[in-house]
C-alpha cells in the first residue's frame, strides 16, 4: 500500500503549469513537524517534501497562501526528474480545524 496522510504547512508554491493533457498542475513544498512515539520513546520529527496537485487539487492549492496549514492525503512516487520523492496529493483539506503540529 502506498498511502500518505500528512498535516503540513505550505512553504513554497511554484507557478501553475499544465500537463500534456491540459490539466492544471501545481507543485508545492510542504513542511511537517511533530512528536511521534517510536519504540516507546517520543521523537521529534521534522521534514520537508515536494508535493504536486493535479486538476481540481491544483486549483485548490493555488487559492491557499504560503504558510497555510493543510491536511493532505496522497501517494509517493519519483519526481519528474527521477531524483527524490514527490507526494502526489489526492485529497486536500485546508479548513481551520486541521491539527497544527508546529
PDB file of N, CA and C in Angstrom:
ATOM      1  N   UNK A   1       0.846  -1.178   0.000  1.00  0.00           N
ATOM      2  CA  UNK A   1       0.000   0.000   0.000  1.00  0.00           C
ATOM      3  C   UNK A   1       0.891   1.241   0.000  1.00  0.00           C
ATOM      4  N   UNK A   2       0.495   2.244  -0.723  1.00  0.00           N
ATOM      5  CA  UNK A   2       1.230   3.496  -0.830  1.00  0.00           C
ATOM      6  C   UNK A   2       0.221   4.616  -0.582  1.00  0.00           C
ATOM      7  N   UNK A   3       0.009   4.963   0.692  1.00  0.00           N
ATOM      8  CA  UNK A   3      -0.959   5.996   1.073  1.00  0.00           C
ATOM      9  C   UNK A   3      -0.338   6.829   2.191  1.00  0.00           C
ATOM     10  N   UNK A   4      -0.341   8.122   2.000  1.00  0.00           N
ATOM     11  CA  UNK A   4       0.250   9.054   2.957  1.00  0.00           C
ATOM     12  C   UNK A   4      -0.821  10.029   3.427  1.00  0.00           C
ATOM     13  N   UNK A   5      -0.891  10.243   4.737  1.00  0.00           N
ATOM     14  CA  UNK A   5      -1.720  11.301   5.323  1.00  0.00           C
ATOM     15  C   UNK A   5      -0.772  12.189   6.110  1.00  0.00           C
ATOM     16  N   UNK A   6      -0.843  13.488   5.862  1.00  0.00           N
ATOM     17  CA  UNK A   6       0.126  14.394   6.458  1.00  0.00           C
ATOM     18  C   UNK A   6      -0.511  15.750   6.731  1.00  0.00           C
ATOM     19  N   UNK A   7      -0.275  16.254   7.920  1.00  0.00           N
ATOM     20  CA  UNK A   7      -0.618  17.627   8.249  1.00  0.00           C
ATOM     21  C   UNK A   7       0.661  18.436   8.043  1.00  0.00           C
ATOM     22  N   UNK A   8       0.576  19.487   7.234  1.00  0.00           N
ATOM     23  CA  UNK A   8       1.801  20.215   6.882  1.00  0.00           C
ATOM     24  C   UNK A   8       1.485  21.670   6.583  1.00  0.00           C
ATOM     25  N   UNK A   9       2.536  22.432   6.496  1.00  0.00           N
ATOM     26  CA  UNK A   9       2.444  23.851   6.168  1.00  0.00           C
ATOM     27  C   UNK A   9       3.004  24.054   4.760  1.00  0.00           C
ATOM     28  N   UNK A  10       2.331  24.865   3.970  1.00  0.00           N
ATOM     29  CA  UNK A  10       2.825  25.176   2.622  1.00  0.00           C
ATOM     30  C   UNK A  10       3.972  26.179   2.761  1.00  0.00           C
ATOM     31  N   UNK A  11       5.162  25.762   2.343  1.00  0.00           N
ATOM     32  CA  UNK A  11       6.348  26.603   2.480  1.00  0.00           C
ATOM     33  C   UNK A  11       6.694  27.341   1.185  1.00  0.00           C
ATOM     34  N   UNK A  12       6.329  26.740   0.069  1.00  0.00           N
ATOM     35  CA  UNK A  12       6.639  27.338  -1.234  1.00  0.00           C
ATOM     36  C   UNK A  12       5.607  26.844  -2.237  1.00  0.00           C
ATOM     37  N   UNK A  13       5.232  27.714  -3.144  1.00  0.00           N
ATOM     38  CA  UNK A  13       4.285  27.339  -4.210  1.00  0.00           C
ATOM     39  C   UNK A  13       4.857  27.843  -5.528  1.00  0.00           C
ATOM     40  N   UNK A  14       5.052  26.923  -6.460  1.00  0.00           N
ATOM     41  CA  UNK A  14       5.570  27.285  -7.777  1.00  0.00           C
ATOM     42  C   UNK A  14       4.429  27.759  -8.673  1.00  0.00           C
ATOM     43  N   UNK A  15       4.733  28.392  -9.800  1.00  0.00           N
ATOM     44  CA  UNK A  15       3.667  28.831 -10.711  1.00  0.00           C
ATOM     45  C   UNK A  15       2.889  27.639 -11.284  1.00  0.00           C
ATOM     46  N   UNK A  16       1.637  27.885 -11.593  1.00  0.00           N
ATOM     47  CA  UNK A  16       0.783  26.862 -12.205  1.00  0.00           C
ATOM     48  C   UNK A  16       1.396  26.441 -13.540  1.00  0.00           C
ATOM     49  N   UNK A  17       1.342  25.151 -13.814  1.00  0.00           N
ATOM     50  CA  UNK A  17       1.755  24.619 -15.111  1.00  0.00           C
ATOM     51  C   UNK A  17       0.614  23.730 -15.601  1.00  0.00           C
ATOM     52  N   UNK A  18       0.759  23.184 -16.778  1.00  0.00           N
ATOM     53  CA  UNK A  18      -0.296  22.339 -17.349  1.00  0.00           C
ATOM     54  C   UNK A  18       0.312  21.044 -17.880  1.00  0.00           C
ATOM     55  N   UNK A  19      -0.372  19.933 -17.648  1.00  0.00           N
ATOM     56  CA  UNK A  19       0.082  18.637 -18.143  1.00  0.00           C
ATOM     57  C   UNK A  19      -0.108  18.591 -19.655  1.00  0.00           C
ATOM     58  N   UNK A  20       0.503  17.618 -20.334  1.00  0.00           N
ATOM     59  CA  UNK A  20       0.279  17.476 -21.777  1.00  0.00           C
ATOM     60  C   UNK A  20      -1.211  17.300 -22.127  1.00  0.00           C
ATOM     61  N   UNK A  21      -1.983  16.784 -21.184  1.00  0.00           N
ATOM     62  CA  UNK A  21      -3.427  16.620 -21.413  1.00  0.00           C
ATOM     63  C   UNK A  21      -4.207  17.910 -21.135  1.00  0.00           C
ATOM     64  N   UNK A  22      -3.499  18.987 -20.721  1.00  0.00           N
ATOM     65  CA  UNK A  22      -4.141  20.266 -20.482  1.00  0.00           C
ATOM     66  C   UNK A  22      -4.679  20.459 -19.070  1.00  0.00           C
ATOM     67  N   UNK A  23      -4.371  19.538 -18.154  1.00  0.00           N
ATOM     68  CA  UNK A  23      -4.837  19.679 -16.772  1.00  0.00           C
ATOM     69  C   UNK A  23      -3.921  20.618 -15.996  1.00  0.00           C
ATOM     70  N   UNK A  24      -4.479  21.458 -15.123  1.00  0.00           N
ATOM     71  CA  UNK A  24      -3.626  22.303 -14.286  1.00  0.00           C
ATOM     72  C   UNK A  24      -2.838  21.433 -13.312  1.00  0.00           C
ATOM     73  N   UNK A  25      -1.597  21.812 -13.053  1.00  0.00           N
ATOM     74  CA  UNK A  25      -0.733  21.101 -12.112  1.00  0.00           C
ATOM     75  C   UNK A  25       0.057  22.140 -11.320  1.00  0.00           C
ATOM     76  N   UNK A  26       0.145  21.930 -10.013  1.00  0.00           N
ATOM     77  CA  UNK A  26       0.825  22.895  -9.159  1.00  0.00           C
ATOM     78  C   UNK A  26       1.733  22.149  -8.191  1.00  0.00           C
ATOM     79  N   UNK A  27       2.996  22.546  -8.143  1.00  0.00           N
ATOM     80  CA  UNK A  27       3.966  21.949  -7.239  1.00  0.00           C
ATOM     81  C   UNK A  27       4.154  22.853  -6.027  1.00  0.00           C
ATOM     82  N   UNK A  28       4.265  22.231  -4.859  1.00  0.00           N
ATOM     83  CA  UNK A  28       4.485  22.948  -3.607  1.00  0.00           C
ATOM     84  C   UNK A  28       5.561  22.232  -2.807  1.00  0.00           C
ATOM     85  N   UNK A  29       6.094  22.942  -1.826  1.00  0.00           N
ATOM     86  CA  UNK A  29       6.991  22.335  -0.846  1.00  0.00           C
ATOM     87  C   UNK A  29       6.272  22.400   0.488  1.00  0.00           C
ATOM     88  N   UNK A  30       6.120  21.243   1.129  1.00  0.00           N
ATOM     89  CA  UNK A  30       5.411  21.136   2.399  1.00  0.00           C
ATOM     90  C   UNK A  30       6.403  20.885   3.526  1.00  0.00           C
ATOM     91  N   UNK A  31       6.085  21.415   4.710  1.00  0.00           N
ATOM     92  CA  UNK A  31       6.911  21.207   5.896  1.00  0.00           C
ATOM     93  C   UNK A  31       6.035  20.638   7.006  1.00  0.00           C
ATOM     94  N   UNK A  32       6.554  19.627   7.694  1.00  0.00           N
ATOM     95  CA  UNK A  32       5.835  18.993   8.801  1.00  0.00           C
ATOM     96  C   UNK A  32       6.758  18.906  10.003  1.00  0.00           C
ATOM     97  N   UNK A  33       6.199  19.140  11.194  1.00  0.00           N
ATOM     98  CA  UNK A  33       6.939  18.966  12.446  1.00  0.00           C
ATOM     99  C   UNK A  33       5.971  18.416  13.485  1.00  0.00           C
ATOM    100  N   UNK A  34       6.392  17.380  14.200  1.00  0.00           N
ATOM    101  CA  UNK A  34       5.553  16.798  15.253  1.00  0.00           C
ATOM    102  C   UNK A  34       6.413  15.934  16.149  1.00  0.00           C
ATOM    103  N   UNK A  35       5.785  15.420  17.202  1.00  0.00           N
ATOM    104  CA  UNK A  35       6.419  14.439  18.081  1.00  0.00           C
ATOM    105  C   UNK A  35       5.697  13.119  17.854  1.00  0.00           C
ATOM    106  N   UNK A  36       6.468  12.072  17.616  1.00  0.00           N
ATOM    107  CA  UNK A  36       5.922  10.753  17.335  1.00  0.00           C
ATOM    108  C   UNK A  36       6.528   9.736  18.300  1.00  0.00           C
ATOM    109  N   UNK A  37       5.723   8.760  18.696  1.00  0.00           N
ATOM    110  CA  UNK A  37       6.250   7.687  19.527  1.00  0.00           C
ATOM    111  C   UNK A  37       6.877   6.625  18.633  1.00  0.00           C
ATOM    112  N   UNK A  38       8.081   6.225  18.993  1.00  0.00           N
ATOM    113  CA  UNK A  38       8.799   5.196  18.244  1.00  0.00           C
ATOM    114  C   UNK A  38       9.540   4.318  19.255  1.00  0.00           C
ATOM    115  N   UNK A  39       9.187   3.043  19.305  1.00  0.00           N
ATOM    116  CA  UNK A  39       9.787   2.090  20.243  1.00  0.00           C
ATOM    117  C   UNK A  39       9.704   2.574  21.684  1.00  0.00           C
ATOM    118  N   UNK A  40       8.546   3.121  22.028  1.00  0.00           N
ATOM    119  CA  UNK A  40       8.309   3.564  23.395  1.00  0.00           C
ATOM    120  C   UNK A  40       8.915   4.896  23.759  1.00  0.00           C
ATOM    121  N   UNK A  41       9.566   5.544  22.832  1.00  0.00           N
ATOM    122  CA  UNK A  41      10.190   6.844  23.088  1.00  0.00           C
ATOM    123  C   UNK A  41       9.566   7.908  22.190  1.00  0.00           C
ATOM    124  N   UNK A  42       9.452   9.115  22.713  1.00  0.00           N
ATOM    125  CA  UNK A  42       8.959  10.220  21.904  1.00  0.00           C
ATOM    126  C   UNK A  42      10.125  10.772  21.092  1.00  0.00           C
ATOM    127  N   UNK A  43       9.827  11.083  19.849  1.00  0.00           N
ATOM    128  CA  UNK A  43      10.859  11.552  18.925  1.00  0.00           C
ATOM    129  C   UNK A  43      10.345  12.776  18.180  1.00  0.00           C
ATOM    130  N   UNK A  44      11.177  13.796  18.074  1.00  0.00           N
ATOM    131  CA  UNK A  44      10.835  14.981  17.288  1.00  0.00           C
ATOM    132  C   UNK A  44      11.047  14.649  15.823  1.00  0.00           C
ATOM    133  N   UNK A  45      10.027  14.898  14.998  1.00  0.00           N
ATOM    134  CA  UNK A  45      10.090  14.609  13.565  1.00  0.00           C
ATOM    135  C   UNK A  45       9.910  15.921  12.808  1.00  0.00           C
ATOM    136  N   UNK A  46      10.846  16.231  11.937  1.00  0.00           N
ATOM    137  CA  UNK A  46      10.781  17.407  11.071  1.00  0.00           C
ATOM    138  C   UNK A  46      11.088  16.940   9.659  1.00  0.00           C
ATOM    139  N   UNK A  47      10.305  17.390   8.692  1.00  0.00           N
ATOM    140  CA  UNK A  47      10.593  17.011   7.316  1.00  0.00           C
ATOM    141  C   UNK A  47      10.031  18.046   6.356  1.00  0.00           C
ATOM    142  N   UNK A  48      10.628  18.074   5.185  1.00  0.00           N
ATOM    143  CA  UNK A  48      10.099  18.836   4.058  1.00  0.00           C
ATOM    144  C   UNK A  48       9.961  17.864   2.906  1.00  0.00           C
ATOM    145  N   UNK A  49       8.903  18.034   2.115  1.00  0.00           N
ATOM    146  CA  UNK A  49       8.666  17.151   0.988  1.00  0.00           C
ATOM    147  C   UNK A  49       8.064  17.952  -0.159  1.00  0.00           C
ATOM    148  N   UNK A  50       8.469  17.613  -1.354  1.00  0.00           N
ATOM    149  CA  UNK A  50       7.870  18.214  -2.539  1.00  0.00           C
ATOM    150  C   UNK A  50       6.565  17.486  -2.818  1.00  0.00           C
ATOM    151  N   UNK A  51       5.550  18.243  -3.206  1.00  0.00           N
ATOM    152  CA  UNK A  51       4.234  17.665  -3.472  1.00  0.00           C
ATOM    153  C   UNK A  51       3.649  18.309  -4.718  1.00  0.00           C
ATOM    154  N   UNK A  52       2.721  17.607  -5.336  1.00  0.00           N
ATOM    155  CA  UNK A  52       2.059  18.132  -6.521  1.00  0.00           C
ATOM    156  C   UNK A  52       0.573  17.820  -6.465  1.00  0.00           C
ATOM    157  N   UNK A  53      -0.208  18.731  -6.987  1.00  0.00           N
ATOM    158  CA  UNK A  53      -1.637  18.523  -7.143  1.00  0.00           C
ATOM    159  C   UNK A  53      -1.991  18.721  -8.606  1.00  0.00           C
ATOM    160  N   UNK A  54      -2.898  17.905  -9.094  1.00  0.00           N
ATOM    161  CA  UNK A  54      -3.317  17.982 -10.493  1.00  0.00           C
ATOM    162  C   UNK A  54      -4.822  18.149 -10.547  1.00  0.00           C
ATOM    163  N   UNK A  55      -5.295  18.903 -11.531  1.00  0.00           N
ATOM    164  CA  UNK A  55      -6.738  19.112 -11.705  1.00  0.00           C
ATOM    165  C   UNK A  55      -7.299  20.009 -10.617  1.00  0.00           C
ATOM    166  N   UNK A  56      -8.429  19.606 -10.042  1.00  0.00           N
ATOM    167  CA  UNK A  56      -9.096  20.402  -9.007  1.00  0.00           C
ATOM    168  C   UNK A  56      -8.187  20.623  -7.808  1.00  0.00           C
ATOM    169  N   UNK A  57      -7.367  19.640  -7.467  1.00  0.00           N
ATOM    170  CA  UNK A  57      -6.433  19.786  -6.344  1.00  0.00           C
ATOM    171  C   UNK A  57      -5.453  20.922  -6.604  1.00  0.00           C
ATOM    172  N   UNK A  58      -4.979  21.067  -7.823  1.00  0.00           N
ATOM    173  CA  UNK A  58      -4.071  22.169  -8.170  1.00  0.00           C
ATOM    174  C   UNK A  58      -4.772  23.506  -7.990  1.00  0.00           C
ATOM    175  N   UNK A  59      -6.026  23.586  -8.394  1.00  0.00           N
ATOM    176  CA  UNK A  59      -6.786  24.830  -8.247  1.00  0.00           C
ATOM    177  C   UNK A  59      -7.001  25.164  -6.775  1.00  0.00           C
ATOM    178  N   UNK A  60      -7.244  24.146  -5.946  1.00  0.00           N
ATOM    179  CA  UNK A  60      -7.386  24.371  -4.506  1.00  0.00           C
ATOM    180  C   UNK A  60      -6.081  24.892  -3.915  1.00  0.00           C
ATOM    181  N   UNK A  61      -4.964  24.278  -4.282  1.00  0.00           N
ATOM    182  CA  UNK A  61      -3.659  24.710  -3.772  1.00  0.00           C
ATOM    183  C   UNK A  61      -3.347  26.145  -4.176  1.00  0.00           C
ATOM    184  N   UNK A  62      -3.734  26.512  -5.392  1.00  0.00           N
ATOM    185  CA  UNK A  62      -3.446  27.862  -5.885  1.00  0.00           C
ATOM    186  C   UNK A  62      -4.155  28.930  -5.046  1.00  0.00           C
ATOM    187  N   UNK A  63      -5.300  28.594  -4.475  1.00  0.00           N
ATOM    188  CA  UNK A  63      -6.065  29.550  -3.669  1.00  0.00           C
ATOM    189  C   UNK A  63      -5.518  29.724  -2.253  1.00  0.00           C
ATOM    190  N   UNK A  64      -4.604  28.853  -1.838  1.00  0.00           N
ATOM    191  CA  UNK A  64      -4.075  28.903  -0.476  1.00  0.00           C
ATOM    192  C   UNK A  64      -2.804  29.742  -0.412  1.00  0.00           C
ATOM    193  N   UNK A  65      -2.659  30.449   0.683  1.00  0.00           N
ATOM    194  CA  UNK A  65      -1.468  31.276   0.889  1.00  0.00           C
ATOM    195  C   UNK A  65      -0.301  30.417   1.361  1.00  0.00           C
ATOM    196  N   UNK A  66       0.895  30.828   0.998  1.00  0.00           N
ATOM    197  CA  UNK A  66       2.089  30.222   1.575  1.00  0.00           C
ATOM    198  C   UNK A  66       1.998  30.440   3.079  1.00  0.00           C
ATOM    199  N   UNK A  67       2.275  29.403   3.847  1.00  0.00           N
ATOM    200  CA  UNK A  67       2.136  29.463   5.301  1.00  0.00           C
ATOM    201  C   UNK A  67       0.878  28.788   5.804  1.00  0.00           C
ATOM    202  N   UNK A  68      -0.057  28.495   4.906  1.00  0.00           N
ATOM    203  CA  UNK A  68      -1.299  27.818   5.288  1.00  0.00           C
ATOM    204  C   UNK A  68      -0.998  26.402   5.749  1.00  0.00           C
ATOM    205  N   UNK A  69      -1.773  25.940   6.735  1.00  0.00           N
ATOM    206  CA  UNK A  69      -1.680  24.564   7.195  1.00  0.00           C
ATOM    207  C   UNK A  69      -2.740  23.745   6.486  1.00  0.00           C
ATOM    208  N   UNK A  70      -2.342  22.574   5.991  1.00  0.00           N
ATOM    209  CA  UNK A  70      -3.250  21.712   5.242  1.00  0.00           C
ATOM    210  C   UNK A  70      -3.129  20.273   5.727  1.00  0.00           C
ATOM    211  N   UNK A  71      -4.171  19.520   5.528  1.00  0.00           N
ATOM    212  CA  UNK A  71      -4.163  18.074   5.733  1.00  0.00           C
ATOM    213  C   UNK A  71      -4.248  17.472   4.337  1.00  0.00           C
ATOM    214  N   UNK A  72      -3.257  16.684   3.962  1.00  0.00           N
ATOM    215  CA  UNK A  72      -3.242  16.095   2.622  1.00  0.00           C
ATOM    216  C   UNK A  72      -3.239  14.577   2.707  1.00  0.00           C
ATOM    217  N   UNK A  73      -3.817  13.964   1.702  1.00  0.00           N
ATOM    218  CA  UNK A  73      -3.784  12.520   1.512  1.00  0.00           C
ATOM    219  C   UNK A  73      -3.295  12.282   0.098  1.00  0.00           C
ATOM    220  N   UNK A  74      -2.399  11.325  -0.064  1.00  0.00           N
ATOM    221  CA  UNK A  74      -1.889  11.059  -1.388  1.00  0.00           C
ATOM    222  C   UNK A  74      -1.005   9.836  -1.424  1.00  0.00           C
ATOM    223  N   UNK A  75      -0.131   9.792  -2.415  1.00  0.00           N
ATOM    224  CA  UNK A  75       0.792   8.667  -2.569  1.00  0.00           C
ATOM    225  C   UNK A  75       2.155   9.192  -2.992  1.00  0.00           C
ATOM    226  N   UNK A  76       3.176   8.375  -2.781  1.00  0.00           N
ATOM    227  CA  UNK A  76       4.542   8.746  -3.128  1.00  0.00           C
ATOM    228  C   UNK A  76       4.944   8.149  -4.465  1.00  0.00           C
ATOM    229  N   UNK A  77       5.702   8.925  -5.232  1.00  0.00           N
ATOM    230  CA  UNK A  77       6.272   8.465  -6.496  1.00  0.00           C
ATOM    231  C   UNK A  77       7.565   9.237  -6.722  1.00  0.00           C
ATOM    232  N   UNK A  78       8.335   8.819  -7.716  1.00  0.00           N
ATOM    233  CA  UNK A  78       9.554   9.550  -8.062  1.00  0.00           C
ATOM    234  C   UNK A  78       9.200  10.921  -8.618  1.00  0.00           C
ATOM    235  N   UNK A  79      10.098  11.876  -8.399  1.00  0.00           N
ATOM    236  CA  UNK A  79       9.921  13.182  -9.011  1.00  0.00           C
ATOM    237  C   UNK A  79      10.090  13.056 -10.515  1.00  0.00           C
ATOM    238  N   UNK A  80       9.577  14.033 -11.237  1.00  0.00           N
ATOM    239  CA  UNK A  80       9.650  14.005 -12.701  1.00  0.00           C
ATOM    240  C   UNK A  80      11.077  13.878 -13.216  1.00  0.00           C
ATOM    241  N   UNK A  81      12.041  14.473 -12.496  1.00  0.00           N
ATOM    242  CA  UNK A  81      13.432  14.396 -12.939  1.00  0.00           C
ATOM    243  C   UNK A  81      14.103  13.085 -12.511  1.00  0.00           C
ATOM    244  N   UNK A  82      13.346  12.211 -11.842  1.00  0.00           N
ATOM    245  CA  UNK A  82      13.878  10.916 -11.437  1.00  0.00           C
ATOM    246  C   UNK A  82      14.676  10.933 -10.152  1.00  0.00           C
ATOM    247  N   UNK A  83      14.829  12.101  -9.536  1.00  0.00           N
ATOM    248  CA  UNK A  83      15.589  12.236  -8.299  1.00  0.00           C
ATOM    249  C   UNK A  83      14.652  12.574  -7.156  1.00  0.00           C
ATOM    250  N   UNK A  84      14.718  11.833  -6.101  1.00  0.00           N
ATOM    251  CA  UNK A  84      13.920  12.144  -4.928  1.00  0.00           C
ATOM    252  C   UNK A  84      12.493  11.633  -5.030  1.00  0.00           C
ATOM    253  N   UNK A  85      11.703  12.036  -4.043  1.00  0.00           N
ATOM    254  CA  UNK A  85      10.330  11.563  -3.893  1.00  0.00           C
ATOM    255  C   UNK A  85       9.370  12.741  -3.995  1.00  0.00           C
ATOM    256  N   UNK A  86       8.239  12.508  -4.622  1.00  0.00           N
ATOM    257  CA  UNK A  86       7.186  13.516  -4.757  1.00  0.00           C
ATOM    258  C   UNK A  86       5.908  12.951  -4.147  1.00  0.00           C
ATOM    259  N   UNK A  87       5.250  13.748  -3.317  1.00  0.00           N
ATOM    260  CA  UNK A  87       3.944  13.388  -2.771  1.00  0.00           C
ATOM    261  C   UNK A  87       2.887  13.879  -3.747  1.00  0.00           C
ATOM    262  N   UNK A  88       2.118  12.969  -4.309  1.00  0.00           N
ATOM    263  CA  UNK A  88       1.026  13.315  -5.213  1.00  0.00           C
ATOM    264  C   UNK A  88      -0.239  13.457  -4.374  1.00  0.00           C
ATOM    265  N   UNK A  89      -0.749  14.672  -4.281  1.00  0.00           N
ATOM    266  CA  UNK A  89      -1.896  14.954  -3.425  1.00  0.00           C
ATOM    267  C   UNK A  89      -3.183  14.562  -4.136  1.00  0.00           C
ATOM    268  N   UNK A  90      -3.973  13.721  -3.469  1.00  0.00           N
ATOM    269  CA  UNK A  90      -5.262  13.293  -3.992  1.00  0.00           C
ATOM    270  C   UNK A  90      -6.390  14.059  -3.316  1.00  0.00           C
ATOM    271  N   UNK A  91      -6.256  14.257  -1.996  1.00  0.00           N
ATOM    272  CA  UNK A  91      -7.258  14.991  -1.215  1.00  0.00           C
ATOM    273  C   UNK A  91      -6.556  16.079  -0.427  1.00  0.00           C
ATOM    274  N   UNK A  92      -7.252  17.199  -0.265  1.00  0.00           N
ATOM    275  CA  UNK A  92      -6.682  18.356   0.406  1.00  0.00           C
ATOM    276  C   UNK A  92      -7.749  18.982   1.289  1.00  0.00           C
ATOM    277  N   UNK A  93      -7.402  19.224   2.557  1.00  0.00           N
ATOM    278  CA  UNK A  93      -8.307  19.888   3.486  1.00  0.00           C
ATOM    279  C   UNK A  93      -7.553  21.061   4.096  1.00  0.00           C
ATOM    280  N   UNK A  94      -8.062  22.248   3.902  1.00  0.00           N
ATOM    281  CA  UNK A  94      -7.386  23.435   4.428  1.00  0.00           C
ATOM    282  C   UNK A  94      -8.226  24.165   5.462  1.00  0.00           C
ATOM    283  N   UNK A  95      -9.248  23.507   5.980  1.00  0.00           N
ATOM    284  CA  UNK A  95     -10.099  24.158   6.987  1.00  0.00           C
ATOM    285  C   UNK A  95      -9.297  24.495   8.226  1.00  0.00           C
ATOM    286  N   UNK A  96      -9.786  25.455   8.980  1.00  0.00           N
ATOM    287  CA  UNK A  96      -9.049  25.943  10.139  1.00  0.00           C
ATOM    288  C   UNK A  96      -8.931  24.913  11.261  1.00  0.00           C
ATOM    289  N   UNK A  97      -9.704  23.807  11.209  1.00  0.00           N
ATOM    290  CA  UNK A  97      -9.615  22.812  12.282  1.00  0.00           C
ATOM    291  C   UNK A  97      -8.601  21.728  11.990  1.00  0.00           C
ATOM    292  N   UNK A  98      -7.761  21.918  10.980  1.00  0.00           N
ATOM    293  CA  UNK A  98      -6.691  20.959  10.685  1.00  0.00           C
ATOM    294  C   UNK A  98      -5.736  20.996  11.866  1.00  0.00           C
ATOM    295  N   UNK A  99      -5.349  19.830  12.415  1.00  0.00           N
ATOM    296  CA  UNK A  99      -4.421  19.832  13.545  1.00  0.00           C
ATOM    297  C   UNK A  99      -3.139  20.542  13.188  1.00  0.00           C
ATOM    298  N   UNK A 100      -2.683  21.408  14.059  1.00  0.00           N
ATOM    299  CA  UNK A 100      -1.453  22.158  13.820  1.00  0.00           C
ATOM    300  C   UNK A 100      -0.367  21.587  14.715  1.00  0.00           C
ATOM    301  N   UNK A 101       0.652  20.978  14.130  1.00  0.00           N
ATOM    302  CA  UNK A 101       1.711  20.315  14.885  1.00  0.00           C
ATOM    303  C   UNK A 101       2.933  21.183  15.041  1.00  0.00           C
ATOM    304  N   UNK A 102       2.875  22.412  14.617  1.00  0.00           N
ATOM    305  CA  UNK A 102       4.081  23.224  14.538  1.00  0.00           C
ATOM    306  C   UNK A 102       4.298  24.001  15.797  1.00  0.00           C
TER     307      UNK A 102
END
